[in-house]
PDB file of N, CA and C in Angstrom:
ATOM      1  N   MET A   1     -10.359   4.193 -17.627  1.00  0.00           N
ATOM      2  CA  MET A   1      -9.013   4.279 -17.090  1.00  0.00           C
ATOM      3  C   MET A   1      -8.844   3.182 -16.043  1.00  0.00           C
ATOM      4  N   GLU A   2      -7.740   2.482 -16.088  1.00  0.00           N
ATOM      5  CA  GLU A   2      -7.480   1.400 -15.154  1.00  0.00           C
ATOM      6  C   GLU A   2      -6.922   1.924 -13.834  1.00  0.00           C
ATOM      7  N   LEU A   3      -7.022   1.095 -12.802  1.00  0.00           N
ATOM      8  CA  LEU A   3      -6.562   1.469 -11.467  1.00  0.00           C
ATOM      9  C   LEU A   3      -5.096   1.887 -11.462  1.00  0.00           C
ATOM     10  N   LEU A   4      -4.265   1.208 -12.234  1.00  0.00           N
ATOM     11  CA  LEU A   4      -2.830   1.520 -12.264  1.00  0.00           C
ATOM     12  C   LEU A   4      -2.561   2.942 -12.741  1.00  0.00           C
ATOM     13  N   GLU A   5      -3.441   3.480 -13.559  1.00  0.00           N
ATOM     14  CA  GLU A   5      -3.316   4.861 -14.033  1.00  0.00           C
ATOM     15  C   GLU A   5      -4.104   5.828 -13.143  1.00  0.00           C
ATOM     16  N   PHE A   6      -5.274   5.406 -12.721  1.00  0.00           N
ATOM     17  CA  PHE A   6      -6.194   6.268 -11.987  1.00  0.00           C
ATOM     18  C   PHE A   6      -5.722   6.590 -10.569  1.00  0.00           C
ATOM     19  N   PHE A   7      -5.248   5.579  -9.837  1.00  0.00           N
ATOM     20  CA  PHE A   7      -4.864   5.750  -8.443  1.00  0.00           C
ATOM     21  C   PHE A   7      -3.756   6.798  -8.268  1.00  0.00           C
ATOM     22  N   PRO A   8      -2.649   6.739  -9.016  1.00  0.00           N
ATOM     23  CA  PRO A   8      -1.614   7.781  -8.858  1.00  0.00           C
ATOM     24  C   PRO A   8      -2.118   9.191  -9.174  1.00  0.00           C
ATOM     25  N   LYS A   9      -2.987   9.318 -10.153  1.00  0.00           N
ATOM     26  CA  LYS A   9      -3.534  10.634 -10.492  1.00  0.00           C
ATOM     27  C   LYS A   9      -4.416  11.165  -9.361  1.00  0.00           C
ATOM     28  N   CYS A  10      -5.191  10.288  -8.761  1.00  0.00           N
ATOM     29  CA  CYS A  10      -6.028  10.691  -7.618  1.00  0.00           C
ATOM     30  C   CYS A  10      -5.162  11.155  -6.449  1.00  0.00           C
ATOM     31  N   LEU A  11      -4.077  10.431  -6.184  1.00  0.00           N
ATOM     32  CA  LEU A  11      -3.180  10.804  -5.090  1.00  0.00           C
ATOM     33  C   LEU A  11      -2.576  12.179  -5.326  1.00  0.00           C
ATOM     34  N   GLU A  12      -2.078  12.398  -6.528  1.00  0.00           N
ATOM     35  CA  GLU A  12      -1.469  13.683  -6.858  1.00  0.00           C
ATOM     36  C   GLU A  12      -2.464  14.828  -6.668  1.00  0.00           C
ATOM     37  N   GLU A  13      -3.659  14.639  -7.169  1.00  0.00           N
ATOM     38  CA  GLU A  13      -4.669  15.690  -7.068  1.00  0.00           C
ATOM     39  C   GLU A  13      -5.065  15.948  -5.617  1.00  0.00           C
ATOM     40  N   ALA A  14      -5.323  14.882  -4.865  1.00  0.00           N
ATOM     41  CA  ALA A  14      -5.739  15.044  -3.465  1.00  0.00           C
ATOM     42  C   ALA A  14      -4.642  15.708  -2.636  1.00  0.00           C
ATOM     43  N   CYS A  15      -3.396  15.319  -2.860  1.00  0.00           N
ATOM     44  CA  CYS A  15      -2.280  15.859  -2.076  1.00  0.00           C
ATOM     45  C   CYS A  15      -1.926  17.287  -2.459  1.00  0.00           C
ATOM     46  N   SER A  16      -2.434  17.753  -3.576  1.00  0.00           N
ATOM     47  CA  SER A  16      -2.176  19.140  -3.966  1.00  0.00           C
ATOM     48  C   SER A  16      -2.989  20.111  -3.099  1.00  0.00           C
ATOM     49  N   PHE A  17      -4.042  19.594  -2.434  1.00  0.00           N
ATOM     50  CA  PHE A  17      -4.882  20.424  -1.576  1.00  0.00           C
ATOM     51  C   PHE A  17      -4.483  20.350  -0.107  1.00  0.00           C
ATOM     52  N   ARG A  18      -4.113  19.136   0.347  1.00  0.00           N
ATOM     53  CA  ARG A  18      -3.778  18.926   1.768  1.00  0.00           C
ATOM     54  C   ARG A  18      -3.131  17.558   1.909  1.00  0.00           C
ATOM     55  N   PRO A  19      -2.452  17.314   3.030  1.00  0.00           N
ATOM     56  CA  PRO A  19      -1.877  15.984   3.257  1.00  0.00           C
ATOM     57  C   PRO A  19      -2.979  14.917   3.300  1.00  0.00           C
ATOM     58  N   VAL A  20      -2.633  13.724   2.848  1.00  0.00           N
ATOM     59  CA  VAL A  20      -3.585  12.622   2.801  1.00  0.00           C
ATOM     60  C   VAL A  20      -3.014  11.437   3.569  1.00  0.00           C
ATOM     61  N   VAL A  21      -3.844  10.844   4.437  1.00  0.00           N
ATOM     62  CA  VAL A  21      -3.492   9.623   5.150  1.00  0.00           C
ATOM     63  C   VAL A  21      -4.470   8.544   4.697  1.00  0.00           C
ATOM     64  N   LEU A  22      -3.930   7.432   4.202  1.00  0.00           N
ATOM     65  CA  LEU A  22      -4.757   6.316   3.746  1.00  0.00           C
ATOM     66  C   LEU A  22      -4.383   5.084   4.559  1.00  0.00           C
ATOM     67  N   MET A  23      -5.381   4.455   5.153  1.00  0.00           N
ATOM     68  CA  MET A  23      -5.156   3.247   5.950  1.00  0.00           C
ATOM     69  C   MET A  23      -5.810   2.071   5.226  1.00  0.00           C
ATOM     70  N   LEU A  24      -4.999   1.055   4.946  1.00  0.00           N
ATOM     71  CA  LEU A  24      -5.484  -0.150   4.281  1.00  0.00           C
ATOM     72  C   LEU A  24      -5.214  -1.337   5.192  1.00  0.00           C
ATOM     73  N   ASP A  25      -6.260  -1.979   5.659  1.00  0.00           N
ATOM     74  CA  ASP A  25      -6.146  -3.099   6.590  1.00  0.00           C
ATOM     75  C   ASP A  25      -6.316  -4.411   5.827  1.00  0.00           C
ATOM     76  N   SER A  26      -5.647  -5.444   6.301  1.00  0.00           N
ATOM     77  CA  SER A  26      -5.824  -6.812   5.802  1.00  0.00           C
ATOM     78  C   SER A  26      -5.448  -6.963   4.330  1.00  0.00           C
ATOM     79  N   LEU A  27      -4.275  -6.484   3.964  1.00  0.00           N
ATOM     80  CA  LEU A  27      -3.813  -6.657   2.587  1.00  0.00           C
ATOM     81  C   LEU A  27      -3.727  -8.127   2.201  1.00  0.00           C
ATOM     82  N   ASP A  28      -3.555  -8.987   3.197  1.00  0.00           N
ATOM     83  CA  ASP A  28      -3.487 -10.421   2.940  1.00  0.00           C
ATOM     84  C   ASP A  28      -4.791 -10.968   2.376  1.00  0.00           C
ATOM     85  N   GLN A  29      -5.878 -10.219   2.504  1.00  0.00           N
ATOM     86  CA  GLN A  29      -7.172 -10.672   1.995  1.00  0.00           C
ATOM     87  C   GLN A  29      -7.433 -10.227   0.559  1.00  0.00           C
ATOM     88  N   LEU A  30      -6.493  -9.507  -0.022  1.00  0.00           N
ATOM     89  CA  LEU A  30      -6.634  -9.144  -1.435  1.00  0.00           C
ATOM     90  C   LEU A  30      -6.556 -10.401  -2.288  1.00  0.00           C
ATOM     91  N   PRO A  31      -7.178 -10.391  -3.463  1.00  0.00           N
ATOM     92  CA  PRO A  31      -7.079 -11.567  -4.325  1.00  0.00           C
ATOM     93  C   PRO A  31      -5.632 -11.782  -4.780  1.00  0.00           C
ATOM     94  N   ALA A  32      -5.231 -13.035  -4.869  1.00  0.00           N
ATOM     95  CA  ALA A  32      -3.859 -13.363  -5.267  1.00  0.00           C
ATOM     96  C   ALA A  32      -3.621 -13.107  -6.756  1.00  0.00           C
ATOM     97  N   ASP A  33      -4.665 -13.166  -7.541  1.00  0.00           N
ATOM     98  CA  ASP A  33      -4.490 -12.956  -8.977  1.00  0.00           C
ATOM     99  C   ASP A  33      -4.360 -11.468  -9.312  1.00  0.00           C
ATOM    100  N   GLU A  34      -3.838 -11.182 -10.454  1.00  0.00           N
ATOM    101  CA  GLU A  34      -3.690  -9.818 -10.986  1.00  0.00           C
ATOM    102  C   GLU A  34      -2.802  -8.923 -10.123  1.00  0.00           C
ATOM    103  N   GLY A  35      -1.898  -9.480  -9.328  1.00  0.00           N
ATOM    104  CA  GLY A  35      -0.933  -8.684  -8.581  1.00  0.00           C
ATOM    105  C   GLY A  35      -1.458  -7.994  -7.343  1.00  0.00           C
ATOM    106  N   GLY A  36      -2.650  -8.338  -6.895  1.00  0.00           N
ATOM    107  CA  GLY A  36      -3.226  -7.688  -5.723  1.00  0.00           C
ATOM    108  C   GLY A  36      -2.365  -7.805  -4.479  1.00  0.00           C
ATOM    109  N   ARG A  37      -1.931  -9.021  -4.164  1.00  0.00           N
ATOM    110  CA  ARG A  37      -1.116  -9.243  -2.959  1.00  0.00           C
ATOM    111  C   ARG A  37       0.336  -8.821  -3.148  1.00  0.00           C
ATOM    112  N   ARG A  38       0.786  -8.746  -4.384  1.00  0.00           N
ATOM    113  CA  ARG A  38       2.157  -8.282  -4.647  1.00  0.00           C
ATOM    114  C   ARG A  38       2.216  -6.755  -4.649  1.00  0.00           C
ATOM    115  N   LEU A  39       1.056  -6.135  -4.503  1.00  0.00           N
ATOM    116  CA  LEU A  39       0.926  -4.675  -4.449  1.00  0.00           C
ATOM    117  C   LEU A  39       1.348  -4.009  -5.747  1.00  0.00           C
ATOM    118  N   ASP A  40       1.134  -4.692  -6.859  1.00  0.00           N
ATOM    119  CA  ASP A  40       1.460  -4.122  -8.170  1.00  0.00           C
ATOM    120  C   ASP A  40       0.677  -2.839  -8.447  1.00  0.00           C
ATOM    121  N   TRP A  41      -0.451  -2.667  -7.805  1.00  0.00           N
ATOM    122  CA  TRP A  41      -1.317  -1.513  -8.011  1.00  0.00           C
ATOM    123  C   TRP A  41      -0.820  -0.271  -7.275  1.00  0.00           C
ATOM    124  N   LEU A  42       0.114  -0.458  -6.347  1.00  0.00           N
ATOM    125  CA  LEU A  42       0.636   0.657  -5.566  1.00  0.00           C
ATOM    126  C   LEU A  42       1.682   1.407  -6.381  1.00  0.00           C
ATOM    127  N   PRO A  43       1.554   2.730  -6.508  1.00  0.00           N
ATOM    128  CA  PRO A  43       2.522   3.485  -7.308  1.00  0.00           C
ATOM    129  C   PRO A  43       3.935   3.368  -6.738  1.00  0.00           C
ATOM    130  N   GLY A  44       4.928   3.344  -7.610  1.00  0.00           N
ATOM    131  CA  GLY A  44       6.315   3.281  -7.182  1.00  0.00           C
ATOM    132  C   GLY A  44       6.768   4.551  -6.497  1.00  0.00           C
ATOM    133  N   LYS A  45       6.195   5.676  -6.880  1.00  0.00           N
ATOM    134  CA  LYS A  45       6.509   6.969  -6.265  1.00  0.00           C
ATOM    135  C   LYS A  45       5.199   7.589  -5.800  1.00  0.00           C
ATOM    136  N   ILE A  46       5.184   8.008  -4.548  1.00  0.00           N
ATOM    137  CA  ILE A  46       3.979   8.622  -4.006  1.00  0.00           C
ATOM    138  C   ILE A  46       4.275  10.083  -3.671  1.00  0.00           C
ATOM    139  N   PRO A  47       3.258  10.929  -3.637  1.00  0.00           N
ATOM    140  CA  PRO A  47       3.464  12.345  -3.318  1.00  0.00           C
ATOM    141  C   PRO A  47       4.044  12.537  -1.917  1.00  0.00           C
ATOM    142  N   ASP A  48       4.739  13.645  -1.718  1.00  0.00           N
ATOM    143  CA  ASP A  48       5.367  13.939  -0.430  1.00  0.00           C
ATOM    144  C   ASP A  48       4.358  14.042   0.713  1.00  0.00           C
ATOM    145  N   ASP A  49       3.180  14.539   0.447  1.00  0.00           N
ATOM    146  CA  ASP A  49       2.170  14.718   1.493  1.00  0.00           C
ATOM    147  C   ASP A  49       1.201  13.546   1.592  1.00  0.00           C
ATOM    148  N   PHE A  50       1.650  12.364   1.195  1.00  0.00           N
ATOM    149  CA  PHE A  50       0.822  11.163   1.247  1.00  0.00           C
ATOM    150  C   PHE A  50       1.424  10.188   2.251  1.00  0.00           C
ATOM    151  N   TYR A  51       0.604   9.730   3.189  1.00  0.00           N
ATOM    152  CA  TYR A  51       1.041   8.813   4.231  1.00  0.00           C
ATOM    153  C   TYR A  51       0.180   7.565   4.145  1.00  0.00           C
ATOM    154  N   LEU A  52       0.830   6.419   4.046  1.00  0.00           N
ATOM    155  CA  LEU A  52       0.131   5.168   3.827  1.00  0.00           C
ATOM    156  C   LEU A  52       0.413   4.218   4.988  1.00  0.00           C
ATOM    157  N   ILE A  53      -0.651   3.746   5.626  1.00  0.00           N
ATOM    158  CA  ILE A  53      -0.550   2.793   6.728  1.00  0.00           C
ATOM    159  C   ILE A  53      -1.257   1.523   6.265  1.00  0.00           C
ATOM    160  N   MET A  54      -0.513   0.410   6.286  1.00  0.00           N
ATOM    161  CA  MET A  54      -1.069  -0.848   5.791  1.00  0.00           C
ATOM    162  C   MET A  54      -0.836  -1.959   6.803  1.00  0.00           C
ATOM    163  N   SER A  55      -1.728  -2.938   6.805  1.00  0.00           N
ATOM    164  CA  SER A  55      -1.536  -4.108   7.668  1.00  0.00           C
ATOM    165  C   SER A  55      -1.729  -5.371   6.840  1.00  0.00           C
ATOM    166  N   THR A  56      -1.029  -6.427   7.269  1.00  0.00           N
ATOM    167  CA  THR A  56      -1.142  -7.730   6.627  1.00  0.00           C
ATOM    168  C   THR A  56      -0.699  -8.807   7.605  1.00  0.00           C
ATOM    169  N   LEU A  57      -1.133 -10.020   7.382  1.00  0.00           N
ATOM    170  CA  LEU A  57      -0.583 -11.137   8.119  1.00  0.00           C
ATOM    171  C   LEU A  57       0.846 -11.359   7.634  1.00  0.00           C
ATOM    172  N   PRO A  58       1.736 -11.856   8.499  1.00  0.00           N
ATOM    173  CA  PRO A  58       3.147 -11.950   8.130  1.00  0.00           C
ATOM    174  C   PRO A  58       3.530 -13.159   7.277  1.00  0.00           C
ATOM    175  N   ASP A  59       2.657 -14.124   7.110  1.00  0.00           N
ATOM    176  CA  ASP A  59       3.029 -15.342   6.392  1.00  0.00           C
ATOM    177  C   ASP A  59       3.425 -15.042   4.946  1.00  0.00           C
ATOM    178  N   ALA A  60       4.476 -15.702   4.486  1.00  0.00           N
ATOM    179  CA  ALA A  60       5.008 -15.472   3.139  1.00  0.00           C
ATOM    180  C   ALA A  60       3.980 -15.788   2.057  1.00  0.00           C
ATOM    181  N   GLU A  61       3.056 -16.699   2.344  1.00  0.00           N
ATOM    182  CA  GLU A  61       2.058 -17.076   1.335  1.00  0.00           C
ATOM    183  C   GLU A  61       1.186 -15.896   0.907  1.00  0.00           C
ATOM    184  N   TYR A  62       1.120 -14.863   1.731  1.00  0.00           N
ATOM    185  CA  TYR A  62       0.276 -13.721   1.394  1.00  0.00           C
ATOM    186  C   TYR A  62       0.982 -12.710   0.507  1.00  0.00           C
ATOM    187  N   GLU A  63       2.289 -12.802   0.338  1.00  0.00           N
ATOM    188  CA  GLU A  63       3.089 -12.004  -0.588  1.00  0.00           C
ATOM    189  C   GLU A  63       3.219 -10.532  -0.226  1.00  0.00           C
ATOM    190  N   CYS A  64       2.365  -9.992   0.609  1.00  0.00           N
ATOM    191  CA  CYS A  64       2.373  -8.554   0.890  1.00  0.00           C
ATOM    192  C   CYS A  64       3.585  -8.116   1.696  1.00  0.00           C
ATOM    193  N   LEU A  65       3.878  -8.843   2.765  1.00  0.00           N
ATOM    194  CA  LEU A  65       4.928  -8.398   3.677  1.00  0.00           C
ATOM    195  C   LEU A  65       6.286  -8.273   2.993  1.00  0.00           C
ATOM    196  N   PRO A  66       6.734  -9.245   2.192  1.00  0.00           N
ATOM    197  CA  PRO A  66       8.019  -9.041   1.502  1.00  0.00           C
ATOM    198  C   PRO A  66       8.027  -7.794   0.616  1.00  0.00           C
ATOM    199  N   GLN A  67       6.901  -7.499  -0.005  1.00  0.00           N
ATOM    200  CA  GLN A  67       6.817  -6.299  -0.849  1.00  0.00           C
ATOM    201  C   GLN A  67       6.921  -5.035  -0.013  1.00  0.00           C
ATOM    202  N   LEU A  68       6.315  -5.041   1.161  1.00  0.00           N
ATOM    203  CA  LEU A  68       6.349  -3.864   2.033  1.00  0.00           C
ATOM    204  C   LEU A  68       7.740  -3.643   2.622  1.00  0.00           C
ATOM    205  N   LYS A  69       8.475  -4.712   2.861  1.00  0.00           N
ATOM    206  CA  LYS A  69       9.800  -4.591   3.464  1.00  0.00           C
ATOM    207  C   LYS A  69      10.808  -3.887   2.560  1.00  0.00           C
ATOM    208  N   VAL A  70      10.576  -3.873   1.265  1.00  0.00           N
ATOM    209  CA  VAL A  70      11.508  -3.188   0.371  1.00  0.00           C
ATOM    210  C   VAL A  70      11.285  -1.680   0.376  1.00  0.00           C
ATOM    211  N   ALA A  71      10.199  -1.231   0.971  1.00  0.00           N
ATOM    212  CA  ALA A  71       9.922   0.207   1.058  1.00  0.00           C
ATOM    213  C   ALA A  71      10.889   0.870   2.038  1.00  0.00           C
ATOM    214  N   ASN A  72      11.214   2.117   1.783  1.00  0.00           N
ATOM    215  CA  ASN A  72      12.157   2.859   2.615  1.00  0.00           C
ATOM    216  C   ASN A  72      11.618   3.151   4.015  1.00  0.00           C
ATOM    217  N   SER A  73      10.322   3.178   4.183  1.00  0.00           N
ATOM    218  CA  SER A  73       9.736   3.602   5.456  1.00  0.00           C
ATOM    219  C   SER A  73       8.979   2.480   6.142  1.00  0.00           C
ATOM    220  N   PHE A  74       9.421   1.261   5.972  1.00  0.00           N
ATOM    221  CA  PHE A  74       8.750   0.111   6.567  1.00  0.00           C
ATOM    222  C   PHE A  74       8.989   0.054   8.062  1.00  0.00           C
ATOM    223  N   VAL A  75       7.923  -0.134   8.847  1.00  0.00           N
ATOM    224  CA  VAL A  75       8.034  -0.309  10.293  1.00  0.00           C
ATOM    225  C   VAL A  75       7.173  -1.513  10.678  1.00  0.00           C
ATOM    226  N   LEU A  76       7.775  -2.487  11.311  1.00  0.00           N
ATOM    227  CA  LEU A  76       7.051  -3.664  11.770  1.00  0.00           C
ATOM    228  C   LEU A  76       6.525  -3.409  13.172  1.00  0.00           C
ATOM    229  N   ILE A  77       5.227  -3.561  13.362  1.00  0.00           N
ATOM    230  CA  ILE A  77       4.607  -3.393  14.673  1.00  0.00           C
ATOM    231  C   ILE A  77       4.139  -4.767  15.124  1.00  0.00           C
ATOM    232  N   GLN A  78       4.643  -5.203  16.266  1.00  0.00           N
ATOM    233  CA  GLN A  78       4.299  -6.528  16.786  1.00  0.00           C
ATOM    234  C   GLN A  78       2.863  -6.535  17.308  1.00  0.00           C
ATOM    235  N   PRO A  79       2.165  -7.661  17.164  1.00  0.00           N
ATOM    236  CA  PRO A  79       0.794  -7.739  17.677  1.00  0.00           C
ATOM    237  C   PRO A  79       0.780  -7.660  19.198  1.00  0.00           C
ATOM    238  N   HIS A  80      -0.311  -7.139  19.716  1.00  0.00           N
ATOM    239  CA  HIS A  80      -0.490  -7.048  21.172  1.00  0.00           C
ATOM    240  C   HIS A  80      -0.950  -8.399  21.705  1.00  0.00           C
ATOM    241  N   GLY A  81      -0.608  -8.684  22.931  1.00  0.00           N
ATOM    242  CA  GLY A  81      -1.134  -9.877  23.550  1.00  0.00           C
ATOM    243  C   GLY A  81      -0.091 -10.821  23.825  1.00  0.00           C
TER     244      GLY A  81
END
């Protein structure tokens, strides 16, 4: 089973027991090929009890940030310093 099929099924099953929080750091370091930085692997619909926190560098070359901005719950947190 490929990740595109497996990941949503895992989320559904895990969230049926309790809320799930997943933190993914440095999305900009994902490989550019196969849709990694475009977040093609992320399900279009996630379970209600699933909370996803992601970080990426803001440069357009990394492709992640524009994809995240189309999400309904996008929040930009400015770097400290």
